[in-house]
């Protein structure tokens, strides 16, 4: 995954960039910007979970002499992997694919930690939704200890359709959920496997959960209700490795 940066400046230009799906690393907003001047921009920032830093206008002035209107966006030119092409290649090479779908995870630290685990464990790719997911920015790359610079990441507009595609392609779909009907060690990960992880607060949407072949849980012995999602992902990912290496 390559990363090169460029700048977009101006309220309308930055707003349109976000809404069109451009991957934004960070946006700098001048500290005293009035919200009514940039309602659409601020709404887009909230919707797409873009990282924002409020800074003195002098800092923005040092970046560009053009009419920036108090806003500059740093763009991450990230080359995402095409899932269909990757899956076809993996099967053609005779591999036993292992894909992790992160369904609605928005916390950059959790995402980075999971990506780091995936890269260390040899996961073939991570799939994230186009909307309602984490922004893959420099903070995510840093949290992943650089794993996101080499780990294939696929961004899909419809996770339900993605799960169906993987299932029809021969993947065994395993969902991690507190409502799982078996413990995670009881599932079979020896076949091509897709592990689906949901957000900590909402979990996996019911419609997506219904498409999964198995629903597994991690046993809890203490009083806290659940593990952090990045910790849970690590437990499950390395169980896949354990079974495949046995």
C-alpha atoms as a PDB file:
ATOM      1  CA  UNK A   1       0.000   0.000   0.000  1.00  0.00           C
ATOM      2  CA  UNK A   2       1.672   3.182  -1.150  1.00  0.00           C
ATOM      3  CA  UNK A   3       1.242   6.520   0.500  1.00  0.00           C
ATOM      4  CA  UNK A   4       1.921   9.917  -1.066  1.00  0.00           C
ATOM      5  CA  UNK A   5       0.453  13.163   0.162  1.00  0.00           C
ATOM      6  CA  UNK A   6      -1.008  16.168  -1.576  1.00  0.00           C
ATOM      7  CA  UNK A   7      -3.091  19.066  -0.301  1.00  0.00           C
ATOM      8  CA  UNK A   8      -6.633  20.217  -1.025  1.00  0.00           C
ATOM      9  CA  UNK A   9      -7.680  23.631   0.246  1.00  0.00           C
ATOM     10  CA  UNK A  10     -10.952  25.540   0.484  1.00  0.00           C
ATOM     11  CA  UNK A  11     -14.233  24.610   2.162  1.00  0.00           C
ATOM     12  CA  UNK A  12     -16.085  23.421  -0.938  1.00  0.00           C
ATOM     13  CA  UNK A  13     -13.147  21.543  -2.460  1.00  0.00           C
ATOM     14  CA  UNK A  14     -12.395  19.662   0.760  1.00  0.00           C
ATOM     15  CA  UNK A  15     -16.081  18.855   1.328  1.00  0.00           C
ATOM     16  CA  UNK A  16     -16.453  17.454  -2.184  1.00  0.00           C
ATOM     17  CA  UNK A  17     -13.256  15.449  -1.798  1.00  0.00           C
ATOM     18  CA  UNK A  18     -14.578  13.764   1.349  1.00  0.00           C
ATOM     19  CA  UNK A  19     -17.992  13.046  -0.167  1.00  0.00           C
ATOM     20  CA  UNK A  20     -16.445  11.599  -3.332  1.00  0.00           C
ATOM     21  CA  UNK A  21     -14.529   9.029  -1.318  1.00  0.00           C
ATOM     22  CA  UNK A  22     -11.081  10.598  -1.439  1.00  0.00           C
ATOM     23  CA  UNK A  23      -8.990   9.171   1.388  1.00  0.00           C
ATOM     24  CA  UNK A  24      -8.135  12.058   3.709  1.00  0.00           C
ATOM     25  CA  UNK A  25      -5.264  11.720   6.146  1.00  0.00           C
ATOM     26  CA  UNK A  26      -5.843  14.856   8.246  1.00  0.00           C
ATOM     27  CA  UNK A  27      -7.714  18.144   7.926  1.00  0.00           C
ATOM     28  CA  UNK A  28      -6.403  21.367   9.426  1.00  0.00           C
ATOM     29  CA  UNK A  29      -9.123  23.859  10.398  1.00  0.00           C
ATOM     30  CA  UNK A  30      -8.436  27.342  11.681  1.00  0.00           C
ATOM     31  CA  UNK A  31      -9.377  27.627  15.335  1.00  0.00           C
ATOM     32  CA  UNK A  32     -11.942  30.420  15.012  1.00  0.00           C
ATOM     33  CA  UNK A  33     -13.862  29.037  12.017  1.00  0.00           C
ATOM     34  CA  UNK A  34     -17.606  29.568  12.493  1.00  0.00           C
ATOM     35  CA  UNK A  35     -19.608  26.371  12.176  1.00  0.00           C
ATOM     36  CA  UNK A  36     -22.348  27.949  10.052  1.00  0.00           C
ATOM     37  CA  UNK A  37     -19.761  28.848   7.415  1.00  0.00           C
ATOM     38  CA  UNK A  38     -18.812  25.208   6.961  1.00  0.00           C
ATOM     39  CA  UNK A  39     -21.883  23.176   7.950  1.00  0.00           C
ATOM     40  CA  UNK A  40     -21.565  20.742   5.035  1.00  0.00           C
ATOM     41  CA  UNK A  41     -17.841  20.281   5.627  1.00  0.00           C
ATOM     42  CA  UNK A  42     -18.253  19.576   9.331  1.00  0.00           C
ATOM     43  CA  UNK A  43     -21.120  17.158   8.619  1.00  0.00           C
ATOM     44  CA  UNK A  44     -18.948  15.276   6.104  1.00  0.00           C
ATOM     45  CA  UNK A  45     -16.080  15.148   8.597  1.00  0.00           C
ATOM     46  CA  UNK A  46     -18.350  13.597  11.221  1.00  0.00           C
ATOM     47  CA  UNK A  47     -19.929  11.129   8.805  1.00  0.00           C
ATOM     48  CA  UNK A  48     -16.640   9.815   7.447  1.00  0.00           C
ATOM     49  CA  UNK A  49     -14.673   9.991  10.720  1.00  0.00           C
ATOM     50  CA  UNK A  50     -11.953  12.223   9.288  1.00  0.00           C
ATOM     51  CA  UNK A  51      -9.182  13.307  11.654  1.00  0.00           C
ATOM     52  CA  UNK A  52      -9.297  17.070  12.305  1.00  0.00           C
ATOM     53  CA  UNK A  53      -6.848  19.406  14.008  1.00  0.00           C
ATOM     54  CA  UNK A  54      -7.776  22.961  15.000  1.00  0.00           C
ATOM     55  CA  UNK A  55      -4.775  25.201  14.372  1.00  0.00           C
ATOM     56  CA  UNK A  56      -3.937  28.926  14.201  1.00  0.00           C
ATOM     57  CA  UNK A  57      -4.584  30.351  10.741  1.00  0.00           C
ATOM     58  CA  UNK A  58      -0.902  31.294  10.552  1.00  0.00           C
ATOM     59  CA  UNK A  59      -0.010  27.616  10.324  1.00  0.00           C
ATOM     60  CA  UNK A  60      -2.288  27.168   7.318  1.00  0.00           C
ATOM     61  CA  UNK A  61      -0.892  30.332   5.743  1.00  0.00           C
ATOM     62  CA  UNK A  62       2.563  28.762   5.868  1.00  0.00           C
ATOM     63  CA  UNK A  63       1.286  25.804   3.839  1.00  0.00           C
ATOM     64  CA  UNK A  64      -0.305  27.721   0.971  1.00  0.00           C
ATOM     65  CA  UNK A  65      -0.656  31.288  -0.264  1.00  0.00           C
ATOM     66  CA  UNK A  66      -3.913  30.489  -2.040  1.00  0.00           C
ATOM     67  CA  UNK A  67      -7.421  31.233  -0.724  1.00  0.00           C
ATOM     68  CA  UNK A  68      -7.693  28.306   1.687  1.00  0.00           C
ATOM     69  CA  UNK A  69     -10.719  29.694   3.626  1.00  0.00           C
ATOM     70  CA  UNK A  70      -9.221  28.292   6.815  1.00  0.00           C
ATOM     71  CA  UNK A  71      -9.149  24.644   5.762  1.00  0.00           C
ATOM     72  CA  UNK A  72      -6.484  22.389   4.262  1.00  0.00           C
ATOM     73  CA  UNK A  73      -6.781  18.633   3.790  1.00  0.00           C
ATOM     74  CA  UNK A  74      -3.826  16.277   3.475  1.00  0.00           C
ATOM     75  CA  UNK A  75      -4.702  13.477   1.082  1.00  0.00           C
ATOM     76  CA  UNK A  76      -3.405   9.939   1.480  1.00  0.00           C
ATOM     77  CA  UNK A  77      -2.924   8.478  -1.963  1.00  0.00           C
ATOM     78  CA  UNK A  78      -3.465   4.899  -0.832  1.00  0.00           C
ATOM     79  CA  UNK A  79      -3.649   2.153  -3.398  1.00  0.00           C
ATOM     80  CA  UNK A  80      -6.319  -0.257  -2.208  1.00  0.00           C
ATOM     81  CA  UNK A  81      -6.350  -3.860  -3.357  1.00  0.00           C
ATOM     82  CA  UNK A  82      -9.147  -5.240  -5.529  1.00  0.00           C
ATOM     83  CA  UNK A  83     -10.710  -8.071  -3.530  1.00  0.00           C
ATOM     84  CA  UNK A  84     -11.882 -10.109  -6.516  1.00  0.00           C
ATOM     85  CA  UNK A  85      -8.480 -10.004  -8.171  1.00  0.00           C
ATOM     86  CA  UNK A  86      -6.719 -10.908  -4.929  1.00  0.00           C
ATOM     87  CA  UNK A  87      -9.012 -13.861  -4.199  1.00  0.00           C
ATOM     88  CA  UNK A  88      -8.576 -15.207  -7.721  1.00  0.00           C
ATOM     89  CA  UNK A  89      -4.792 -14.897  -7.452  1.00  0.00           C
ATOM     90  CA  UNK A  90      -4.677 -16.647  -4.075  1.00  0.00           C
ATOM     91  CA  UNK A  91      -6.642 -19.625  -5.380  1.00  0.00           C
ATOM     92  CA  UNK A  92      -4.622 -19.782  -8.607  1.00  0.00           C
ATOM     93  CA  UNK A  93      -1.435 -19.922  -6.527  1.00  0.00           C
ATOM     94  CA  UNK A  94      -2.843 -22.853  -4.568  1.00  0.00           C
ATOM     95  CA  UNK A  95      -3.000 -20.979  -1.276  1.00  0.00           C
ATOM     96  CA  UNK A  96      -5.456 -21.472   1.573  1.00  0.00           C
ATOM     97  CA  UNK A  97      -6.728 -17.895   1.935  1.00  0.00           C
ATOM     98  CA  UNK A  98      -7.420 -16.164   5.226  1.00  0.00           C
ATOM     99  CA  UNK A  99      -9.309 -12.869   5.052  1.00  0.00           C
ATOM    100  CA  UNK A 100     -10.374 -10.610   7.926  1.00  0.00           C
ATOM    101  CA  UNK A 101     -13.439  -8.368   7.515  1.00  0.00           C
ATOM    102  CA  UNK A 102     -13.607  -5.427   9.932  1.00  0.00           C
ATOM    103  CA  UNK A 103     -17.282  -4.518   9.876  1.00  0.00           C
ATOM    104  CA  UNK A 104     -17.687  -0.935  11.090  1.00  0.00           C
ATOM    105  CA  UNK A 105     -14.595  -0.498  13.267  1.00  0.00           C
ATOM    106  CA  UNK A 106     -13.938   3.240  13.568  1.00  0.00           C
ATOM    107  CA  UNK A 107     -11.251   3.496  16.261  1.00  0.00           C
ATOM    108  CA  UNK A 108      -7.903   4.094  14.585  1.00  0.00           C
ATOM    109  CA  UNK A 109      -5.930   2.490  17.420  1.00  0.00           C
ATOM    110  CA  UNK A 110      -7.966  -0.703  17.306  1.00  0.00           C
ATOM    111  CA  UNK A 111      -7.707  -0.805  13.526  1.00  0.00           C
ATOM    112  CA  UNK A 112      -3.964  -0.261  13.571  1.00  0.00           C
ATOM    113  CA  UNK A 113      -3.453  -2.923  16.222  1.00  0.00           C
ATOM    114  CA  UNK A 114      -5.543  -5.448  14.284  1.00  0.00           C
ATOM    115  CA  UNK A 115      -3.682  -4.653  11.068  1.00  0.00           C
ATOM    116  CA  UNK A 116      -0.379  -5.233  12.861  1.00  0.00           C
ATOM    117  CA  UNK A 117      -1.574  -8.627  14.102  1.00  0.00           C
ATOM    118  CA  UNK A 118      -2.873  -9.548  10.644  1.00  0.00           C
ATOM    119  CA  UNK A 119       0.439  -8.737   8.995  1.00  0.00           C
ATOM    120  CA  UNK A 120       2.419 -10.659  11.616  1.00  0.00           C
ATOM    121  CA  UNK A 121       0.115 -13.674  11.241  1.00  0.00           C
ATOM    122  CA  UNK A 122       0.198 -13.709   7.446  1.00  0.00           C
ATOM    123  CA  UNK A 123      -3.452 -12.774   6.887  1.00  0.00           C
ATOM    124  CA  UNK A 124      -3.983 -12.292   3.157  1.00  0.00           C
ATOM    125  CA  UNK A 125      -5.994  -9.088   3.398  1.00  0.00           C
ATOM    126  CA  UNK A 126      -8.187  -6.898   5.562  1.00  0.00           C
ATOM    127  CA  UNK A 127     -11.561  -5.753   4.232  1.00  0.00           C
ATOM    128  CA  UNK A 128     -13.217  -2.543   5.451  1.00  0.00           C
ATOM    129  CA  UNK A 129     -16.454  -0.837   4.382  1.00  0.00           C
ATOM    130  CA  UNK A 130     -16.270   2.256   2.215  1.00  0.00           C
ATOM    131  CA  UNK A 131     -18.515   4.186   4.604  1.00  0.00           C
ATOM    132  CA  UNK A 132     -18.812   4.072   8.377  1.00  0.00           C
ATOM    133  CA  UNK A 133     -15.313   2.777   8.964  1.00  0.00           C
ATOM    134  CA  UNK A 134     -11.931   3.982  10.114  1.00  0.00           C
ATOM    135  CA  UNK A 135      -9.944   6.441   8.023  1.00  0.00           C
ATOM    136  CA  UNK A 136      -6.711   4.798   6.938  1.00  0.00           C
ATOM    137  CA  UNK A 137      -4.394   7.706   7.679  1.00  0.00           C
ATOM    138  CA  UNK A 138      -0.903   8.284   9.029  1.00  0.00           C
ATOM    139  CA  UNK A 139      -2.125   7.645  12.588  1.00  0.00           C
ATOM    140  CA  UNK A 140      -3.396   4.221  11.530  1.00  0.00           C
ATOM    141  CA  UNK A 141      -0.112   3.440   9.785  1.00  0.00           C
ATOM    142  CA  UNK A 142       1.833   4.499  12.874  1.00  0.00           C
ATOM    143  CA  UNK A 143      -0.379   2.452  15.213  1.00  0.00           C
ATOM    144  CA  UNK A 144       0.080  -0.566  12.957  1.00  0.00           C
ATOM    145  CA  UNK A 145       3.880  -0.222  13.309  1.00  0.00           C
ATOM    146  CA  UNK A 146       4.050   0.095   9.521  1.00  0.00           C
ATOM    147  CA  UNK A 147       2.048  -3.061   8.823  1.00  0.00           C
ATOM    148  CA  UNK A 148      -0.428  -1.083   6.711  1.00  0.00           C
ATOM    149  CA  UNK A 149       2.366  -0.250   4.299  1.00  0.00           C
ATOM    150  CA  UNK A 150       2.517  -3.909   3.218  1.00  0.00           C
ATOM    151  CA  UNK A 151      -0.774  -5.535   4.277  1.00  0.00           C
ATOM    152  CA  UNK A 152      -3.353  -5.583   1.449  1.00  0.00           C
ATOM    153  CA  UNK A 153      -6.449  -3.558   2.367  1.00  0.00           C
ATOM    154  CA  UNK A 154      -9.693  -3.855   0.392  1.00  0.00           C
ATOM    155  CA  UNK A 155     -12.378  -1.190   0.674  1.00  0.00           C
ATOM    156  CA  UNK A 156     -15.858  -2.426  -0.260  1.00  0.00           C
ATOM    157  CA  UNK A 157     -19.070  -0.416  -0.658  1.00  0.00           C
ATOM    158  CA  UNK A 158     -21.348  -3.260   0.476  1.00  0.00           C
ATOM    159  CA  UNK A 159     -20.117  -5.609   3.210  1.00  0.00           C
ATOM    160  CA  UNK A 160     -23.181  -7.847   2.917  1.00  0.00           C
ATOM    161  CA  UNK A 161     -22.457  -8.414  -0.772  1.00  0.00           C
ATOM    162  CA  UNK A 162     -18.779  -8.922   0.061  1.00  0.00           C
ATOM    163  CA  UNK A 163     -19.559 -11.673   2.564  1.00  0.00           C
ATOM    164  CA  UNK A 164     -21.855 -13.338   0.030  1.00  0.00           C
ATOM    165  CA  UNK A 165     -19.135 -13.122  -2.619  1.00  0.00           C
ATOM    166  CA  UNK A 166     -16.543 -14.710  -0.345  1.00  0.00           C
ATOM    167  CA  UNK A 167     -18.967 -17.432   0.680  1.00  0.00           C
ATOM    168  CA  UNK A 168     -19.810 -18.222  -2.948  1.00  0.00           C
ATOM    169  CA  UNK A 169     -16.077 -18.294  -3.689  1.00  0.00           C
ATOM    170  CA  UNK A 170     -15.575 -21.129  -1.222  1.00  0.00           C
ATOM    171  CA  UNK A 171     -14.743 -19.273   1.982  1.00  0.00           C
ATOM    172  CA  UNK A 172     -15.989 -20.490   5.349  1.00  0.00           C
ATOM    173  CA  UNK A 173     -17.420 -17.388   7.049  1.00  0.00           C
ATOM    174  CA  UNK A 174     -16.835 -17.173  10.802  1.00  0.00           C
ATOM    175  CA  UNK A 175     -18.328 -14.351  12.872  1.00  0.00           C
ATOM    176  CA  UNK A 176     -16.897 -13.309  16.222  1.00  0.00           C
ATOM    177  CA  UNK A 177     -19.781 -12.403  18.522  1.00  0.00           C
ATOM    178  CA  UNK A 178     -20.659 -12.548  22.198  1.00  0.00           C
ATOM    179  CA  UNK A 179     -23.794 -14.413  21.107  1.00  0.00           C
ATOM    180  CA  UNK A 180     -21.783 -17.159  19.447  1.00  0.00           C
ATOM    181  CA  UNK A 181     -23.174 -20.682  19.780  1.00  0.00           C
ATOM    182  CA  UNK A 182     -19.725 -22.281  20.154  1.00  0.00           C
ATOM    183  CA  UNK A 183     -16.326 -21.368  21.524  1.00  0.00           C
ATOM    184  CA  UNK A 184     -13.767 -20.099  19.039  1.00  0.00           C
ATOM    185  CA  UNK A 185     -11.568 -23.199  19.400  1.00  0.00           C
ATOM    186  CA  UNK A 186     -14.428 -25.437  18.232  1.00  0.00           C
ATOM    187  CA  UNK A 187     -14.662 -23.895  14.767  1.00  0.00           C
ATOM    188  CA  UNK A 188     -12.823 -25.334  11.762  1.00  0.00           C
ATOM    189  CA  UNK A 189     -10.377 -22.892  10.160  1.00  0.00           C
ATOM    190  CA  UNK A 190      -8.552 -25.383   7.942  1.00  0.00           C
ATOM    191  CA  UNK A 191     -10.499 -24.369   4.829  1.00  0.00           C
ATOM    192  CA  UNK A 192     -10.398 -20.915   3.187  1.00  0.00           C
ATOM    193  CA  UNK A 193     -11.587 -18.685   6.013  1.00  0.00           C
ATOM    194  CA  UNK A 194     -13.143 -15.256   6.368  1.00  0.00           C
ATOM    195  CA  UNK A 195     -13.199 -13.929   9.937  1.00  0.00           C
ATOM    196  CA  UNK A 196     -15.737 -11.150  10.540  1.00  0.00           C
ATOM    197  CA  UNK A 197     -15.186  -8.745  13.434  1.00  0.00           C
ATOM    198  CA  UNK A 198     -17.698  -6.044  14.374  1.00  0.00           C
ATOM    199  CA  UNK A 199     -17.440  -2.772  16.259  1.00  0.00           C
ATOM    200  CA  UNK A 200     -17.260  -2.994  20.046  1.00  0.00           C
ATOM    201  CA  UNK A 201     -20.407  -0.942  20.639  1.00  0.00           C
ATOM    202  CA  UNK A 202     -22.682  -2.378  17.926  1.00  0.00           C
ATOM    203  CA  UNK A 203     -21.178  -5.715  16.997  1.00  0.00           C
ATOM    204  CA  UNK A 204     -21.850  -7.277  13.604  1.00  0.00           C
ATOM    205  CA  UNK A 205     -25.131  -6.129  11.982  1.00  0.00           C
ATOM    206  CA  UNK A 206     -27.853  -8.788  12.106  1.00  0.00           C
ATOM    207  CA  UNK A 207     -28.098  -9.023   8.322  1.00  0.00           C
ATOM    208  CA  UNK A 208     -24.383  -9.681   8.010  1.00  0.00           C
ATOM    209  CA  UNK A 209     -24.399 -12.113  10.914  1.00  0.00           C
ATOM    210  CA  UNK A 210     -27.106 -14.172   9.225  1.00  0.00           C
ATOM    211  CA  UNK A 211     -24.784 -14.802   6.268  1.00  0.00           C
ATOM    212  CA  UNK A 212     -22.047 -16.336   8.404  1.00  0.00           C
ATOM    213  CA  UNK A 213     -21.546 -20.101   8.561  1.00  0.00           C
ATOM    214  CA  UNK A 214     -20.449 -20.116  12.187  1.00  0.00           C
ATOM    215  CA  UNK A 215     -20.738 -17.705  15.114  1.00  0.00           C
ATOM    216  CA  UNK A 216     -18.028 -18.096  17.721  1.00  0.00           C
ATOM    217  CA  UNK A 217     -17.373 -16.554  21.109  1.00  0.00           C
ATOM    218  CA  UNK A 218     -14.351 -16.172  23.358  1.00  0.00           C
ATOM    219  CA  UNK A 219     -15.106 -17.486  26.863  1.00  0.00           C
ATOM    220  CA  UNK A 220     -15.150 -14.922  29.665  1.00  0.00           C
ATOM    221  CA  UNK A 221     -14.138 -15.772  33.208  1.00  0.00           C
ATOM    222  CA  UNK A 222     -14.085 -12.308  34.792  1.00  0.00           C
ATOM    223  CA  UNK A 223     -16.713  -9.651  35.409  1.00  0.00           C
ATOM    224  CA  UNK A 224     -15.923  -7.377  32.444  1.00  0.00           C
ATOM    225  CA  UNK A 225     -18.394  -8.068  29.648  1.00  0.00           C
ATOM    226  CA  UNK A 226     -16.010  -8.364  26.712  1.00  0.00           C
ATOM    227  CA  UNK A 227     -12.482  -8.049  25.371  1.00  0.00           C
ATOM    228  CA  UNK A 228     -11.184  -5.103  23.400  1.00  0.00           C
ATOM    229  CA  UNK A 229     -11.825  -5.849  19.716  1.00  0.00           C
ATOM    230  CA  UNK A 230      -8.139  -5.768  18.800  1.00  0.00           C
ATOM    231  CA  UNK A 231      -7.345  -8.260  21.574  1.00  0.00           C
ATOM    232  CA  UNK A 232     -10.235 -10.500  20.497  1.00  0.00           C
ATOM    233  CA  UNK A 233      -9.028 -10.348  16.898  1.00  0.00           C
ATOM    234  CA  UNK A 234      -5.555 -11.423  17.990  1.00  0.00           C
ATOM    235  CA  UNK A 235      -6.928 -14.403  19.906  1.00  0.00           C
ATOM    236  CA  UNK A 236      -8.982 -15.575  16.924  1.00  0.00           C
ATOM    237  CA  UNK A 237      -6.351 -14.941  14.266  1.00  0.00           C
ATOM    238  CA  UNK A 238      -3.754 -16.961  16.112  1.00  0.00           C
ATOM    239  CA  UNK A 239      -6.222 -19.796  16.672  1.00  0.00           C
ATOM    240  CA  UNK A 240      -6.485 -19.998  12.888  1.00  0.00           C
ATOM    241  CA  UNK A 241      -2.698 -20.223  12.703  1.00  0.00           C
ATOM    242  CA  UNK A 242      -2.572 -22.813  15.482  1.00  0.00           C
ATOM    243  CA  UNK A 243      -5.010 -25.105  13.687  1.00  0.00           C
ATOM    244  CA  UNK A 244      -3.319 -24.697  10.320  1.00  0.00           C
ATOM    245  CA  UNK A 245       0.137 -25.347  11.746  1.00  0.00           C
ATOM    246  CA  UNK A 246      -0.868 -28.402  13.790  1.00  0.00           C
END
